[in-house]
Amino acid sequence: MADTNTDSGIDFKVDVSNLYREEGYTDLKVASIRRLIPVLPDGSTDKSRTEIFIGSAQLMSPSGPLPIQSVLTANTLGEAIDAFPEAMRIATEQMVEELRKMQEQQKQENDSRIIVPGR
């Protein structure tokens, strides 16, 4: 049997030095917070690394839901809850700015097209 990691060109090897256990928290309305707890390959908590909190939410648009996500600067769930609103506001502003840039670039590309009659 051939080595499946090299056949597809994708490396599926698990990075055992970067494992996390995930816990999820939600208010069932707008907030979703993921707590990533560093673990060792045996599943025990790796106390030498810090936990990571990630906040996410969805904004409704005419095209459907737009996911927004941000790492929350926090050491506890309480701090993550407090950091959530500002982090989502900043992530939303960044997403809107990126969308504006993409629209402007697309407009420039459309405006610079040469139209040849009969084609």
N, C-alpha and C. Protein backbone atom coordinates (compact mmCIF):
# COMPACT_ATOMS: atom_id res chain seq x y z
N MET A 1 0.84 -1.19 0.00
CA MET A 1 0.00 0.00 0.00
C MET A 1 0.88 1.24 0.00
N ALA A 2 0.52 2.22 -0.80
CA ALA A 2 1.31 3.45 -0.93
C ALA A 2 1.12 4.34 0.29
N ASP A 3 2.07 5.20 0.53
CA ASP A 3 2.00 6.15 1.64
C ASP A 3 0.97 7.23 1.31
N THR A 4 -0.13 7.26 2.06
CA THR A 4 -1.23 8.18 1.74
C THR A 4 -0.87 9.64 2.01
N ASN A 5 0.12 9.89 2.88
CA ASN A 5 0.52 11.27 3.14
C ASN A 5 1.18 11.91 1.93
N THR A 6 1.91 11.15 1.15
CA THR A 6 2.62 11.73 0.01
C THR A 6 1.85 11.58 -1.29
N ASP A 7 0.91 10.62 -1.39
CA ASP A 7 0.15 10.44 -2.62
C ASP A 7 -0.65 11.68 -2.99
N SER A 8 -1.27 12.30 -2.01
CA SER A 8 -2.13 13.46 -2.28
C SER A 8 -1.36 14.77 -2.21
N GLY A 9 -0.14 14.74 -1.69
CA GLY A 9 0.62 15.96 -1.53
C GLY A 9 0.25 16.73 -0.27
N ILE A 10 -0.66 16.15 0.54
CA ILE A 10 -1.10 16.80 1.77
C ILE A 10 -0.51 16.04 2.95
N ASP A 11 0.01 16.78 3.91
CA ASP A 11 0.57 16.16 5.11
C ASP A 11 -0.51 16.08 6.18
N PHE A 12 -0.99 14.88 6.46
CA PHE A 12 -2.05 14.68 7.45
C PHE A 12 -1.50 14.30 8.82
N LYS A 13 -0.22 14.45 9.02
CA LYS A 13 0.39 14.09 10.30
C LYS A 13 -0.07 15.06 11.39
N VAL A 14 -0.49 14.52 12.52
CA VAL A 14 -0.97 15.32 13.64
C VAL A 14 0.23 15.91 14.38
N ASP A 15 0.18 17.21 14.64
CA ASP A 15 1.23 17.90 15.39
C ASP A 15 0.96 17.68 16.87
N VAL A 16 1.60 16.66 17.45
CA VAL A 16 1.32 16.29 18.84
C VAL A 16 1.83 17.32 19.84
N SER A 17 2.63 18.27 19.40
CA SER A 17 3.09 19.33 20.30
C SER A 17 2.14 20.52 20.33
N ASN A 18 1.05 20.43 19.56
CA ASN A 18 0.09 21.54 19.46
C ASN A 18 -1.35 21.04 19.57
N LEU A 19 -1.61 20.16 20.53
CA LEU A 19 -2.94 19.59 20.70
C LEU A 19 -3.76 20.41 21.70
N TYR A 20 -5.06 20.53 21.43
CA TYR A 20 -5.97 21.26 22.30
C TYR A 20 -7.26 20.47 22.48
N ARG A 21 -7.85 20.59 23.65
CA ARG A 21 -9.19 20.09 23.92
C ARG A 21 -10.11 21.30 23.80
N GLU A 22 -11.25 21.11 23.22
CA GLU A 22 -12.14 22.24 22.97
C GLU A 22 -13.41 22.14 23.80
N GLU A 23 -13.78 23.27 24.42
CA GLU A 23 -15.05 23.40 25.11
C GLU A 23 -15.81 24.54 24.46
N GLY A 24 -17.11 24.41 24.36
CA GLY A 24 -17.91 25.46 23.74
C GLY A 24 -18.92 26.04 24.71
N TYR A 25 -19.13 27.35 24.59
CA TYR A 25 -20.08 28.08 25.43
C TYR A 25 -20.92 28.98 24.52
N THR A 26 -22.20 29.05 24.79
CA THR A 26 -23.07 29.91 24.00
C THR A 26 -24.20 30.45 24.86
N ASP A 27 -24.72 31.61 24.47
CA ASP A 27 -25.89 32.16 25.13
C ASP A 27 -27.17 31.84 24.34
N LEU A 28 -27.03 31.05 23.29
CA LEU A 28 -28.13 30.65 22.40
C LEU A 28 -28.78 31.84 21.69
N LYS A 29 -28.10 32.98 21.69
CA LYS A 29 -28.61 34.16 20.99
C LYS A 29 -27.59 34.65 19.99
N VAL A 30 -26.49 35.20 20.49
CA VAL A 30 -25.51 35.80 19.59
C VAL A 30 -24.10 35.28 19.83
N ALA A 31 -23.78 34.96 21.08
CA ALA A 31 -22.39 34.67 21.43
C ALA A 31 -22.07 33.19 21.38
N SER A 32 -20.90 32.91 20.83
CA SER A 32 -20.33 31.58 20.86
C SER A 32 -18.86 31.75 21.22
N ILE A 33 -18.42 31.10 22.28
CA ILE A 33 -17.04 31.20 22.72
C ILE A 33 -16.46 29.80 22.81
N ARG A 34 -15.33 29.61 22.15
CA ARG A 34 -14.61 28.34 22.21
C ARG A 34 -13.42 28.51 23.14
N ARG A 35 -13.26 27.57 24.04
CA ARG A 35 -12.11 27.55 24.95
C ARG A 35 -11.22 26.40 24.52
N LEU A 36 -10.00 26.72 24.11
CA LEU A 36 -9.06 25.70 23.67
C LEU A 36 -8.05 25.48 24.79
N ILE A 37 -8.06 24.28 25.34
CA ILE A 37 -7.21 23.93 26.47
C ILE A 37 -6.07 23.07 25.96
N PRO A 38 -4.82 23.51 26.15
CA PRO A 38 -3.69 22.72 25.65
C PRO A 38 -3.60 21.38 26.37
N VAL A 39 -3.35 20.32 25.59
CA VAL A 39 -3.23 18.98 26.16
C VAL A 39 -1.99 18.28 25.62
N LEU A 40 -1.56 17.30 26.36
CA LEU A 40 -0.46 16.44 25.95
C LEU A 40 -1.03 15.28 25.13
N PRO A 41 -0.19 14.54 24.43
CA PRO A 41 -0.71 13.44 23.60
C PRO A 41 -1.55 12.40 24.36
N ASP A 42 -1.36 12.28 25.69
CA ASP A 42 -2.19 11.34 26.46
C ASP A 42 -3.53 11.95 26.88
N GLY A 43 -3.78 13.22 26.52
CA GLY A 43 -5.05 13.88 26.82
C GLY A 43 -5.03 14.68 28.11
N SER A 44 -3.96 14.59 28.87
CA SER A 44 -3.88 15.37 30.11
C SER A 44 -3.56 16.83 29.78
N THR A 45 -3.98 17.73 30.66
CA THR A 45 -3.78 19.17 30.45
C THR A 45 -2.29 19.50 30.44
N ASP A 46 -1.88 20.30 29.45
CA ASP A 46 -0.50 20.76 29.34
C ASP A 46 -0.42 22.14 30.01
N LYS A 47 0.01 22.16 31.25
CA LYS A 47 0.04 23.40 32.02
C LYS A 47 1.15 24.35 31.60
N SER A 48 2.04 23.93 30.70
CA SER A 48 3.12 24.80 30.25
C SER A 48 2.66 25.77 29.15
N ARG A 49 1.46 25.55 28.60
CA ARG A 49 0.91 26.43 27.56
C ARG A 49 -0.37 27.08 28.06
N THR A 50 -0.71 28.22 27.48
CA THR A 50 -1.89 28.95 27.93
C THR A 50 -3.12 28.56 27.10
N GLU A 51 -4.28 28.72 27.72
CA GLU A 51 -5.54 28.47 27.03
C GLU A 51 -5.81 29.59 26.03
N ILE A 52 -6.59 29.27 25.02
CA ILE A 52 -6.97 30.24 24.00
C ILE A 52 -8.50 30.32 23.98
N PHE A 53 -9.02 31.54 23.94
CA PHE A 53 -10.47 31.75 23.82
C PHE A 53 -10.74 32.39 22.45
N ILE A 54 -11.72 31.85 21.74
CA ILE A 54 -12.09 32.37 20.43
C ILE A 54 -13.58 32.66 20.43
N GLY A 55 -13.93 33.90 20.08
CA GLY A 55 -15.32 34.30 20.01
C GLY A 55 -15.80 34.27 18.57
N SER A 56 -17.05 33.90 18.38
CA SER A 56 -17.62 33.94 17.03
C SER A 56 -19.10 34.27 17.10
N ALA A 57 -19.57 34.83 16.01
CA ALA A 57 -20.98 35.21 15.87
C ALA A 57 -21.30 35.23 14.38
N GLN A 58 -22.55 35.44 14.06
CA GLN A 58 -22.97 35.56 12.67
C GLN A 58 -23.78 36.83 12.50
N LEU A 59 -23.54 37.51 11.39
CA LEU A 59 -24.33 38.67 11.00
C LEU A 59 -25.17 38.27 9.81
N MET A 60 -26.42 38.67 9.80
CA MET A 60 -27.27 38.35 8.66
C MET A 60 -27.10 39.41 7.58
N SER A 61 -26.98 38.94 6.34
CA SER A 61 -26.86 39.83 5.19
C SER A 61 -27.86 39.37 4.14
N PRO A 62 -28.09 40.18 3.10
CA PRO A 62 -28.99 39.75 2.03
C PRO A 62 -28.52 38.46 1.36
N SER A 63 -27.22 38.19 1.43
CA SER A 63 -26.67 36.97 0.82
C SER A 63 -26.64 35.80 1.79
N GLY A 64 -27.07 36.01 3.03
CA GLY A 64 -27.05 34.94 4.02
C GLY A 64 -26.16 35.31 5.20
N PRO A 65 -25.94 34.38 6.11
CA PRO A 65 -25.16 34.68 7.30
C PRO A 65 -23.68 34.88 6.99
N LEU A 66 -23.09 35.87 7.65
CA LEU A 66 -21.66 36.14 7.53
C LEU A 66 -21.00 35.81 8.87
N PRO A 67 -20.11 34.84 8.90
CA PRO A 67 -19.46 34.51 10.16
C PRO A 67 -18.37 35.52 10.51
N ILE A 68 -18.30 35.89 11.77
CA ILE A 68 -17.20 36.71 12.26
C ILE A 68 -16.56 35.97 13.43
N GLN A 69 -15.25 36.13 13.54
CA GLN A 69 -14.51 35.38 14.55
C GLN A 69 -13.31 36.18 14.99
N SER A 70 -12.92 36.01 16.26
CA SER A 70 -11.76 36.72 16.77
C SER A 70 -11.21 36.00 17.99
N VAL A 71 -9.90 36.02 18.12
CA VAL A 71 -9.28 35.53 19.34
C VAL A 71 -9.60 36.55 20.43
N LEU A 72 -9.99 36.08 21.60
CA LEU A 72 -10.34 36.94 22.72
C LEU A 72 -9.16 37.01 23.68
N THR A 73 -8.76 38.22 24.02
CA THR A 73 -7.68 38.40 24.99
C THR A 73 -8.25 38.14 26.36
N ALA A 74 -8.01 36.93 26.88
CA ALA A 74 -8.61 36.53 28.15
C ALA A 74 -7.85 35.36 28.74
N ASN A 75 -7.91 35.27 30.07
CA ASN A 75 -7.32 34.14 30.78
C ASN A 75 -8.39 33.26 31.43
N THR A 76 -9.61 33.77 31.51
CA THR A 76 -10.71 33.02 32.10
C THR A 76 -11.95 33.18 31.23
N LEU A 77 -12.94 32.34 31.45
CA LEU A 77 -14.19 32.46 30.70
C LEU A 77 -14.85 33.80 30.98
N GLY A 78 -14.82 34.26 32.22
CA GLY A 78 -15.41 35.56 32.56
C GLY A 78 -14.76 36.69 31.78
N GLU A 79 -13.44 36.67 31.69
CA GLU A 79 -12.73 37.69 30.92
C GLU A 79 -13.09 37.58 29.44
N ALA A 80 -13.26 36.35 28.94
CA ALA A 80 -13.62 36.15 27.54
C ALA A 80 -15.01 36.72 27.26
N ILE A 81 -15.93 36.52 28.19
CA ILE A 81 -17.29 37.07 28.04
C ILE A 81 -17.23 38.59 28.01
N ASP A 82 -16.42 39.18 28.87
CA ASP A 82 -16.29 40.64 28.89
C ASP A 82 -15.64 41.16 27.62
N ALA A 83 -14.68 40.42 27.06
CA ALA A 83 -13.94 40.85 25.86
C ALA A 83 -14.74 40.63 24.57
N PHE A 84 -15.75 39.76 24.63
CA PHE A 84 -16.50 39.37 23.43
C PHE A 84 -17.09 40.54 22.64
N PRO A 85 -17.86 41.45 23.25
CA PRO A 85 -18.50 42.51 22.45
C PRO A 85 -17.51 43.37 21.68
N GLU A 86 -16.45 43.81 22.32
CA GLU A 86 -15.47 44.67 21.64
C GLU A 86 -14.74 43.90 20.54
N ALA A 87 -14.39 42.65 20.81
CA ALA A 87 -13.69 41.84 19.80
C ALA A 87 -14.58 41.63 18.57
N MET A 88 -15.87 41.41 18.77
CA MET A 88 -16.78 41.21 17.63
C MET A 88 -16.98 42.52 16.87
N ARG A 89 -17.01 43.65 17.59
CA ARG A 89 -17.14 44.95 16.93
C ARG A 89 -15.92 45.19 16.03
N ILE A 90 -14.74 44.93 16.54
CA ILE A 90 -13.51 45.13 15.76
C ILE A 90 -13.46 44.17 14.57
N ALA A 91 -13.82 42.91 14.80
CA ALA A 91 -13.81 41.92 13.70
C ALA A 91 -14.81 42.31 12.62
N THR A 92 -15.96 42.86 13.03
CA THR A 92 -16.97 43.31 12.06
C THR A 92 -16.44 44.48 11.24
N GLU A 93 -15.82 45.45 11.90
CA GLU A 93 -15.25 46.59 11.19
C GLU A 93 -14.19 46.14 10.19
N GLN A 94 -13.34 45.19 10.58
CA GLN A 94 -12.30 44.69 9.68
C GLN A 94 -12.93 43.98 8.49
N MET A 95 -13.98 43.18 8.73
CA MET A 95 -14.64 42.47 7.64
C MET A 95 -15.28 43.46 6.67
N VAL A 96 -15.95 44.49 7.20
CA VAL A 96 -16.58 45.49 6.34
C VAL A 96 -15.52 46.20 5.50
N GLU A 97 -14.40 46.56 6.10
CA GLU A 97 -13.32 47.23 5.36
C GLU A 97 -12.77 46.32 4.25
N GLU A 98 -12.58 45.03 4.56
CA GLU A 98 -12.11 44.10 3.53
C GLU A 98 -13.12 43.97 2.40
N LEU A 99 -14.40 43.94 2.72
CA LEU A 99 -15.43 43.87 1.68
C LEU A 99 -15.42 45.12 0.81
N ARG A 100 -15.23 46.29 1.43
CA ARG A 100 -15.15 47.54 0.66
C ARG A 100 -13.96 47.51 -0.30
N LYS A 101 -12.82 47.03 0.19
CA LYS A 101 -11.64 46.94 -0.66
C LYS A 101 -11.87 45.98 -1.83
N MET A 102 -12.52 44.85 -1.55
CA MET A 102 -12.80 43.88 -2.61
C MET A 102 -13.75 44.48 -3.64
N GLN A 103 -14.78 45.20 -3.17
CA GLN A 103 -15.72 45.83 -4.10
C GLN A 103 -15.03 46.88 -4.95
N GLU A 104 -14.16 47.67 -4.34
CA GLU A 104 -13.43 48.70 -5.08
C GLU A 104 -12.51 48.07 -6.12
N GLN A 105 -11.83 46.99 -5.73
CA GLN A 105 -10.95 46.31 -6.68
C GLN A 105 -11.75 45.73 -7.85
N GLN A 106 -12.89 45.13 -7.54
CA GLN A 106 -13.73 44.58 -8.60
C GLN A 106 -14.25 45.69 -9.51
N LYS A 107 -14.63 46.83 -8.94
CA LYS A 107 -15.09 47.96 -9.74
C LYS A 107 -13.99 48.45 -10.66
N GLN A 108 -12.77 48.55 -10.13
CA GLN A 108 -11.64 49.01 -10.94
C GLN A 108 -11.37 48.03 -12.08
N GLU A 109 -11.46 46.74 -11.80
CA GLU A 109 -11.24 45.73 -12.84
C GLU A 109 -12.31 45.82 -13.91
N ASN A 110 -13.56 46.02 -13.49
CA ASN A 110 -14.65 46.13 -14.45
C ASN A 110 -14.53 47.41 -15.28
N ASP A 111 -14.11 48.52 -14.65
CA ASP A 111 -13.97 49.79 -15.35
C ASP A 111 -12.81 49.78 -16.34
N SER A 112 -11.81 48.93 -16.11
CA SER A 112 -10.64 48.94 -16.98
C SER A 112 -10.73 47.96 -18.15
N ARG A 113 -11.84 47.28 -18.28
CA ARG A 113 -12.00 46.33 -19.38
C ARG A 113 -12.13 47.09 -20.70
N ILE A 114 -11.50 46.55 -21.71
CA ILE A 114 -11.64 47.11 -23.05
C ILE A 114 -12.78 46.39 -23.74
N ILE A 115 -13.74 47.18 -24.21
CA ILE A 115 -14.88 46.60 -24.89
C ILE A 115 -14.64 46.69 -26.40
N VAL A 116 -14.67 45.54 -27.03
CA VAL A 116 -14.43 45.49 -28.46
C VAL A 116 -15.77 45.21 -29.14
N PRO A 117 -16.23 46.11 -30.02
CA PRO A 117 -17.52 45.90 -30.68
C PRO A 117 -17.51 44.59 -31.49
N GLY A 118 -18.63 43.89 -31.43
CA GLY A 118 -18.79 42.66 -32.21
C GLY A 118 -18.28 41.43 -31.47
N ARG A 119 -17.81 41.57 -30.28
CA ARG A 119 -17.33 40.40 -29.52
C ARG A 119 -18.22 40.11 -28.38
